[in-house]
Protein backbone atom coordinates (compact mmCIF):
# COMPACT_ATOMS: atom_id res chain seq x y z
CA ASN A 1 -77.81 -215.79 75.91
CA SER A 2 -79.99 -215.57 72.88
CA MET A 3 -80.96 -218.76 73.20
CA ARG A 4 -81.95 -218.35 76.91
CA TYR A 5 -83.63 -215.27 76.04
CA THR A 6 -85.64 -216.23 73.25
CA LEU A 7 -87.34 -219.06 75.41
CA PHE A 8 -87.94 -216.66 78.35
CA TYR A 9 -90.17 -214.67 75.70
CA ILE A 10 -92.18 -217.59 74.33
CA LEU A 11 -92.59 -218.86 77.54
CA GLY A 12 -93.76 -215.01 78.96
CA LEU A 13 -96.10 -214.98 75.93
CA CYS A 14 -97.55 -218.46 76.53
CA ALA A 15 -98.15 -217.19 79.99
CA ALA A 16 -99.59 -213.92 79.58
CA ILE A 17 -101.79 -215.39 77.04
CA THR A 18 -103.02 -218.00 78.94
CA SER A 19 -103.41 -216.61 82.94
CA ALA A 20 -104.23 -212.71 82.63
CA SER A 21 -104.04 -212.29 86.41
CA PRO A 22 -102.27 -214.27 88.74
CA PRO A 23 -102.79 -213.99 92.18
CA PRO A 24 -100.52 -211.82 94.22
CA LEU A 25 -96.58 -212.22 95.84
CA LYS A 26 -97.19 -214.28 99.09
CA ARG A 27 -94.94 -214.02 102.39
CA VAL A 28 -91.60 -216.30 102.94
CA ASN A 29 -90.05 -215.74 106.01
CA LEU A 30 -86.92 -215.07 106.62
CA SER A 31 -85.03 -218.33 108.98
CA SER A 32 -81.64 -216.65 109.49
CA SER A 33 -81.13 -214.56 112.76
CA SER A 34 -79.12 -212.57 110.60
CA ALA A 35 -81.69 -211.89 108.57
CA VAL A 36 -83.69 -209.00 110.78
CA CYS A 37 -85.61 -205.85 110.61
CA ASN A 38 -84.93 -203.17 112.61
CA ASP A 39 -86.67 -204.30 115.94
CA GLY A 40 -85.15 -208.23 115.38
CA THR A 41 -88.20 -209.56 114.24
CA PRO A 42 -87.70 -212.06 110.79
CA ALA A 43 -87.22 -209.91 107.60
CA ALA A 44 -89.51 -211.33 105.26
CA PHE A 45 -89.99 -211.48 100.91
CA TYR A 46 -93.09 -211.91 98.61
CA MET A 47 -93.53 -214.30 95.77
CA ARG A 48 -95.60 -215.11 93.16
CA GLN A 49 -93.58 -217.97 91.45
CA SER A 50 -93.51 -218.84 87.19
CA GLN A 51 -96.30 -220.84 85.86
CA SER A 52 -94.50 -221.16 83.12
CA ASN A 53 -90.61 -222.56 85.09
CA SER A 54 -89.54 -219.11 83.00
CA ASN A 55 -85.82 -218.43 84.34
CA VAL A 56 -86.29 -214.94 84.60
CA TYR A 57 -86.48 -213.43 88.60
CA VAL A 58 -87.55 -209.74 88.85
CA ILE A 59 -85.82 -209.48 92.47
CA HIS A 60 -87.44 -205.67 94.02
CA LEU A 61 -86.59 -202.91 96.80
CA GLN A 62 -89.73 -201.75 98.71
CA GLY A 63 -89.24 -198.38 99.62
CA GLY A 64 -89.57 -195.71 102.32
CA TRP A 65 -86.64 -193.75 102.41
CA TRP A 66 -84.62 -194.69 105.60
CA CYS A 67 -83.62 -192.70 108.95
CA TRP A 68 -80.16 -191.82 110.22
CA ASP A 69 -80.32 -190.65 113.72
CA SER A 70 -81.72 -191.58 117.03
CA GLN A 71 -84.71 -188.79 116.22
CA SER A 72 -85.21 -189.79 112.83
CA CYS A 73 -85.16 -193.15 113.92
CA LEU A 74 -87.92 -193.54 116.42
CA ALA A 75 -89.56 -190.68 114.51
CA ARG A 76 -89.74 -193.48 111.31
CA ALA A 77 -90.93 -196.25 114.26
CA LYS A 78 -93.67 -194.05 115.44
CA SER A 79 -95.08 -193.25 112.28
CA SER A 80 -94.47 -195.91 110.04
CA PRO A 81 -93.94 -199.02 112.11
CA THR A 82 -94.06 -201.83 109.32
CA MET A 83 -90.76 -199.91 108.06
CA VAL A 84 -88.79 -200.66 110.88
CA SER A 85 -90.55 -204.47 112.30
CA SER A 86 -92.95 -207.49 110.55
CA LYS A 87 -95.10 -207.94 113.51
CA THR A 88 -97.90 -206.41 111.74
CA PHE A 89 -96.05 -207.92 107.89
CA PRO A 90 -99.47 -208.86 105.61
CA ASP A 91 -99.75 -212.00 104.00
CA GLN A 92 -100.20 -210.99 100.91
CA TYR A 93 -98.72 -207.97 98.73
CA THR A 94 -100.85 -206.18 95.73
CA ILE A 95 -97.95 -204.36 93.53
CA GLY A 96 -98.22 -203.40 89.24
CA GLY A 97 -96.32 -201.98 86.86
CA MET A 98 -94.10 -204.38 86.04
CA PHE A 99 -95.66 -207.58 87.70
CA SER A 100 -99.20 -206.72 86.04
CA PRO A 101 -99.56 -209.45 83.86
CA ASN A 102 -102.45 -207.10 82.40
CA VAL A 103 -99.20 -204.82 81.56
CA THR A 104 -96.32 -207.04 80.53
CA GLN A 105 -97.95 -209.33 77.65
CA GLY A 106 -95.78 -210.75 75.88
CA THR A 107 -93.02 -209.97 77.52
CA ILE A 108 -90.00 -211.55 79.58
CA PHE A 109 -91.89 -209.79 82.79
CA ALA A 110 -95.29 -211.61 81.82
CA ASP A 111 -95.02 -214.93 83.90
CA ALA A 112 -91.20 -213.79 85.60
CA ASN A 113 -90.37 -215.64 89.58
CA ALA A 114 -91.60 -212.14 90.75
CA ILE A 115 -89.76 -211.21 93.96
CA MET A 116 -90.79 -208.20 96.49
CA ILE A 117 -87.96 -208.09 99.45
CA ALA A 118 -90.06 -205.90 102.17
CA TYR A 119 -88.06 -203.24 103.46
CA CYS A 120 -87.71 -202.70 107.60
CA SER A 121 -84.21 -202.32 107.57
CA SER A 122 -83.78 -198.33 106.98
CA ASP A 123 -80.62 -198.40 106.10
CA ALA A 124 -81.60 -198.07 101.77
CA TRP A 125 -80.73 -201.67 101.97
CA SER A 126 -76.67 -201.31 103.23
CA GLY A 127 -76.06 -202.99 106.63
CA ILE A 128 -74.68 -206.03 107.67
CA GLY A 129 -75.95 -206.53 111.59
CA GLY A 130 -74.49 -203.35 112.67
CA LYS A 131 -76.47 -203.23 116.25
CA VAL A 132 -76.97 -198.92 117.68
CA ASP A 133 -78.56 -197.83 121.36
CA PHE A 134 -80.87 -195.39 120.64
CA GLN A 135 -81.93 -194.20 123.61
CA GLY A 136 -82.32 -197.30 125.36
CA GLN A 137 -83.66 -199.58 122.84
CA GLU A 138 -81.63 -201.33 119.61
CA TRP A 139 -81.32 -200.83 116.83
CA ILE A 140 -80.40 -203.36 113.78
CA PHE A 141 -79.32 -202.76 110.81
CA ALA A 142 -78.86 -205.25 107.85
CA GLY A 143 -80.59 -204.85 104.72
CA ARG A 144 -78.10 -206.71 102.97
CA ASN A 145 -77.92 -209.05 104.86
CA VAL A 146 -81.98 -209.55 104.09
CA VAL A 147 -81.25 -209.33 100.27
CA ARG A 148 -78.81 -212.24 101.06
CA GLU A 149 -80.90 -214.18 102.43
CA THR A 150 -83.34 -213.83 100.10
CA LEU A 151 -81.30 -214.91 97.34
CA LYS A 152 -79.94 -218.01 99.27
CA VAL A 153 -84.09 -219.24 100.07
CA LEU A 154 -84.55 -218.34 96.24
CA ILE A 155 -81.25 -220.83 95.41
CA SER A 156 -82.05 -223.30 97.80
CA GLN A 157 -85.68 -223.50 97.45
CA TYR A 158 -87.23 -221.65 94.44
CA GLY A 159 -85.15 -222.54 91.30
CA LEU A 160 -82.67 -219.96 91.15
CA ASN A 161 -79.25 -221.78 89.62
CA GLY A 162 -76.72 -221.33 87.05
CA ASN A 163 -78.99 -220.36 83.81
CA SER A 164 -81.34 -217.51 85.87
CA THR A 165 -80.95 -214.19 84.71
CA VAL A 166 -82.26 -211.66 87.65
CA ILE A 167 -83.79 -208.42 87.06
CA PHE A 168 -82.67 -206.76 90.08
CA SER A 169 -85.03 -203.98 90.49
CA GLY A 170 -85.80 -201.86 93.19
CA CYS A 171 -87.91 -198.31 93.92
CA SER A 172 -87.09 -194.74 95.55
CA ALA A 173 -84.96 -195.63 98.60
CA GLY A 174 -85.30 -199.41 96.84
CA GLY A 175 -83.53 -197.91 93.72
CA GLN A 176 -80.89 -196.41 95.62
CA GLY A 177 -80.35 -199.84 97.55
CA VAL A 178 -79.12 -201.30 94.07
CA ILE A 179 -77.04 -198.41 93.32
CA ASN A 180 -75.65 -199.85 97.04
CA VAL A 181 -75.93 -203.68 96.52
CA VAL A 182 -76.11 -204.35 92.96
CA ASP A 183 -72.14 -205.83 93.25
CA TYR A 184 -72.74 -207.64 95.66
CA VAL A 185 -75.81 -209.75 94.26
CA THR A 186 -73.84 -210.22 91.39
CA GLU A 187 -70.70 -211.25 93.16
CA TYR A 188 -72.57 -213.53 95.81
CA LEU A 189 -74.46 -215.75 92.51
CA ASN A 190 -71.20 -215.67 91.29
CA SER A 191 -70.26 -217.95 93.89
CA MET A 192 -73.07 -219.84 94.38
CA VAL A 193 -74.73 -220.54 91.53
CA PRO A 194 -71.99 -219.44 88.33
CA GLY A 195 -72.91 -218.30 85.52
CA ALA A 196 -76.23 -216.97 86.70
CA GLU A 197 -76.61 -213.26 85.14
CA VAL A 198 -78.24 -210.11 87.35
CA LEU A 199 -79.03 -206.90 85.57
CA GLY A 200 -80.00 -204.06 87.93
CA MET A 201 -82.71 -201.69 87.61
CA ALA A 202 -82.69 -198.45 89.77
CA ASP A 203 -85.33 -196.94 89.79
CA ALA A 204 -85.78 -192.92 91.62
CA GLY A 205 -83.24 -194.34 93.84
CA TRP A 206 -80.44 -191.28 92.39
CA MET A 207 -79.13 -189.10 94.98
CA MET A 208 -77.19 -186.25 94.04
CA GLN A 209 -75.53 -183.86 96.62
CA VAL A 210 -77.13 -180.15 95.98
CA THR A 211 -77.54 -177.36 98.56
CA LYS A 212 -81.02 -177.77 100.35
CA PHE A 213 -83.20 -174.62 99.48
CA ARG A 214 -84.85 -175.20 102.85
CA SER A 215 -83.47 -174.55 106.25
CA ASN A 216 -85.32 -176.39 108.09
CA ILE A 217 -84.32 -180.28 106.96
CA VAL A 218 -81.52 -182.23 107.52
CA SER A 219 -79.39 -182.35 103.95
CA ILE A 220 -79.48 -186.06 102.58
CA LYS A 221 -75.19 -185.46 102.79
CA ASP A 222 -75.93 -184.87 106.91
CA GLN A 223 -78.14 -187.93 106.29
CA PHE A 224 -75.54 -189.60 104.32
CA ILE A 225 -72.55 -188.94 106.76
CA ALA A 226 -74.48 -190.28 110.10
CA GLY A 227 -75.70 -192.80 107.61
CA VAL A 228 -72.20 -193.93 107.88
CA GLN A 229 -72.22 -194.22 111.06
CA ASN A 230 -74.62 -195.92 112.35
CA TRP A 231 -75.70 -198.26 109.36
CA GLN A 232 -71.74 -199.41 109.06
CA PRO A 233 -72.25 -200.60 104.99
CA PRO A 234 -69.60 -201.88 103.72
CA ILE A 235 -68.18 -199.48 101.30
CA ASN A 236 -66.66 -200.11 97.67
CA ARG A 237 -62.87 -200.52 98.58
CA ALA A 238 -62.07 -198.32 95.31
CA CYS A 239 -64.83 -195.61 95.91
CA ALA A 240 -63.65 -195.24 99.92
CA SER A 241 -59.98 -195.47 98.51
CA ASP A 242 -60.62 -192.29 96.12
CA ASN A 243 -62.87 -190.66 99.02
CA GLN A 244 -60.61 -190.85 102.13
CA GLY A 245 -61.98 -188.73 104.65
CA ALA A 246 -65.53 -188.71 103.08
CA GLU A 247 -66.76 -192.07 103.05
CA TYR A 248 -70.66 -191.03 102.79
CA ASN A 249 -70.12 -189.70 99.35
CA CYS A 250 -69.91 -192.72 98.00
CA LEU A 251 -73.61 -193.21 98.74
CA PHE A 252 -74.30 -190.35 96.77
CA SER A 253 -75.78 -192.30 93.28
CA PRO A 254 -73.63 -190.28 90.73
CA VAL A 255 -70.23 -191.35 92.54
CA ALA A 256 -71.43 -195.21 93.06
CA ALA A 257 -72.17 -195.20 89.39
CA LYS A 258 -68.84 -195.03 88.50
CA TYR A 259 -67.41 -198.11 90.54
CA ILE A 260 -70.64 -200.28 89.53
CA LYS A 261 -69.78 -203.24 87.44
CA THR A 262 -72.92 -204.43 87.06
CA PRO A 263 -74.68 -203.52 84.08
CA THR A 264 -78.00 -201.59 85.55
CA LEU A 265 -80.70 -199.23 84.05
CA VAL A 266 -81.50 -195.63 85.79
CA GLN A 267 -84.61 -194.19 86.08
CA ALA A 268 -84.56 -190.54 87.03
CA MET A 269 -87.62 -188.26 87.20
CA GLN A 270 -86.60 -184.48 86.69
CA TYR A 271 -89.02 -183.61 88.59
CA ASP A 272 -88.78 -186.25 91.49
CA THR A 273 -91.72 -185.66 93.57
CA PHE A 274 -89.34 -187.17 96.32
CA GLN A 275 -86.34 -185.24 95.94
CA LEU A 276 -87.99 -181.73 94.97
CA PRO A 277 -90.68 -181.37 97.57
CA TYR A 278 -88.22 -182.23 100.96
CA GLN A 279 -85.01 -179.80 99.29
CA CYS A 280 -87.37 -177.45 97.95
CA CYS A 281 -91.24 -176.71 97.10
CA ALA A 282 -93.97 -177.69 95.09
CA PRO A 283 -96.28 -177.22 92.25
CA PRO A 284 -96.89 -174.10 91.70
CA PHE A 285 -93.35 -172.77 93.07
CA ASN A 286 -94.89 -169.31 93.91
CA HIS A 287 -92.33 -168.31 95.70
CA THR A 288 -88.90 -166.64 95.51
CA GLY A 289 -86.64 -168.40 94.07
CA GLU A 290 -88.48 -172.21 94.15
CA ALA A 291 -88.37 -172.30 90.50
CA ALA A 292 -85.34 -171.38 90.01
CA TRP A 293 -84.18 -174.24 92.17
CA ARG A 294 -87.18 -176.38 90.87
CA ASP A 295 -84.36 -175.82 86.91
CA MET A 296 -81.23 -176.33 88.92
CA LEU A 297 -82.53 -179.95 90.27
CA ARG A 298 -83.53 -180.85 86.94
CA LYS A 299 -80.51 -179.72 85.71
CA SER A 300 -78.14 -181.63 87.92
CA PHE A 301 -80.48 -185.00 86.84
CA GLN A 302 -79.40 -184.29 83.57
CA ILE A 303 -75.50 -183.73 83.61
CA THR A 304 -74.61 -186.51 86.34
CA LEU A 305 -77.00 -188.84 84.43
CA GLU A 306 -75.56 -187.93 81.13
CA ALA A 307 -71.88 -188.51 82.75
CA SER A 308 -72.77 -191.40 84.09
CA PRO A 309 -71.53 -194.84 82.92
CA LEU A 310 -75.08 -196.27 84.07
CA SER A 311 -77.48 -196.55 81.45
CA THR A 312 -80.48 -193.88 81.73
CA TYR A 313 -84.40 -193.28 81.32
CA SER A 314 -85.20 -189.80 82.84
CA PRO A 315 -88.74 -188.39 81.81
CA ALA A 316 -89.44 -183.96 82.18
CA CYS A 317 -92.29 -185.79 84.83
CA TRP A 318 -93.11 -184.63 88.66
CA SER A 319 -93.36 -188.01 89.08
CA HIS A 320 -91.41 -190.55 91.24
CA CYS A 321 -91.28 -194.25 90.39
CA MET A 322 -92.72 -195.70 87.28
CA THR A 323 -91.52 -200.16 88.16
CA GLU A 324 -94.31 -200.16 90.25
CA ASP A 325 -97.05 -198.15 88.65
CA SER A 326 -99.15 -199.93 85.81
CA ASN A 327 -99.86 -196.22 84.22
CA LEU A 328 -96.56 -194.90 84.15
CA TRP A 329 -95.21 -198.27 82.62
CA GLN A 330 -97.37 -197.51 80.09
CA SER A 331 -98.01 -193.90 79.27
CA ILE A 332 -94.29 -191.93 79.14
CA MET A 333 -92.41 -192.19 76.64
CA LEU A 334 -89.20 -190.59 75.58
CA ASN A 335 -87.88 -190.80 71.90
CA GLY A 336 -91.14 -192.89 71.63
CA GLN A 337 -90.04 -195.50 73.38
CA THR A 338 -92.10 -196.41 77.20
CA LEU A 339 -89.62 -197.84 79.73
CA GLY A 340 -91.05 -201.02 79.56
CA GLN A 341 -89.84 -201.18 76.00
CA VAL A 342 -86.60 -199.68 76.79
CA LEU A 343 -85.38 -201.86 79.84
CA GLU A 344 -86.26 -205.14 77.75
CA SER A 345 -85.16 -204.44 74.58
CA TRP A 346 -81.44 -203.42 76.94
CA ILE A 347 -81.83 -206.94 79.17
CA LEU A 348 -82.57 -208.40 75.54
CA ASP A 349 -79.02 -207.26 74.06
CA PRO A 350 -76.18 -210.18 74.92
CA GLU A 351 -74.26 -206.86 75.61
CA HIS A 352 -76.17 -204.70 77.47
CA LYS A 353 -74.76 -201.56 76.17
CA ARG A 354 -75.48 -198.54 78.17
CA VAL A 355 -78.70 -196.46 76.31
CA SER A 356 -79.24 -192.89 77.45
CA HIS A 357 -83.50 -191.24 76.67
CA ILE A 358 -82.42 -187.77 79.06
CA ASP A 359 -85.58 -186.00 77.57
CA ARG A 360 -84.70 -182.44 77.56
CA CYS A 361 -88.59 -180.70 76.74
CA ASN A 362 -88.82 -177.07 77.35
CA GLY A 363 -90.77 -176.59 80.72
CA PHE A 364 -91.94 -178.18 83.43
CA ASN A 365 -93.40 -181.90 83.28
CA CYS A 366 -93.35 -182.15 79.55
CA SER A 367 -91.99 -185.95 78.68
CA GLU A 368 -94.80 -187.12 76.34
CA GLY A 369 -97.41 -189.27 78.99
CA CYS A 370 -96.26 -187.32 81.76
CA PRO A 371 -99.31 -187.40 84.89
CA ALA A 372 -101.28 -184.44 84.72
CA VAL A 373 -100.38 -181.87 88.02
């Protein structure tokens, strides 16, 4: 492994010096009838191949929340049609952060094979093709199938093999998707290309079961209860056995993390700009109880991440994903290190030993390099 990573590093450095701005990721359609969007249109991924024959594959799950029942899914189709169908997918996709050559020079990410799987299954990447009727419309939830078929194409057409290192990442609902399917990715690749190494990077997908502050929303718990019924996701057997009658618990990250075998690093903002405003409130937190709930959520992040067997990077920032944002990738620092530095050191460690960076600074938005509110 050390030889593998040394070669990756040298190739990445050379590529970054010679090609600072490679083209955007280009669309690749999936032909399998099992890998489809909610409306049955073909799913797709976007790819920029390595110019230096790097054997690193950064496979990234796009985010975009999810829907869980007839009302939420029909509303999603109306407000966000590209989240349920590929009919209007663009031919190219531009993404920053860990995919930006200007940011990743000299690292293993610099000229890695960059893959972003488009999210149009609305199931946190968990479904295997279950069909549901919502007011006369057939909805298909096949997120995990889309991941599998993407891997199959990468193996057959784009050189993914037993010497490859796969960094399986995702942002927001994609981060939740990593939690849901990273072990499946490992098992699938072990069966198809033995020797390939899989490492998870779950960005801003740490979903916790907390009591909601706002009464007029559907709680994450109720979303997952309905999701288990409609998405029909395969649940980890040991987790399901430990949560009989409440299998939806296995979709909550602190519970699921106990059963994940693939080395995985989690990024979770303690003032997450999805979970905090959705369930409670946003700055300036002036209404009664808002500041207390905000601080409770932050404490919940700290406690559950500390207890998790997974590696952690948790800034106390009012923000969300870091892997796709070049500014956040470079500016936020915990213990003097950016997420990119921590992630690369962890990847290069042959044992991928658990690392824990959880900021306990005083105040709101208090980590070094937090974006201004």
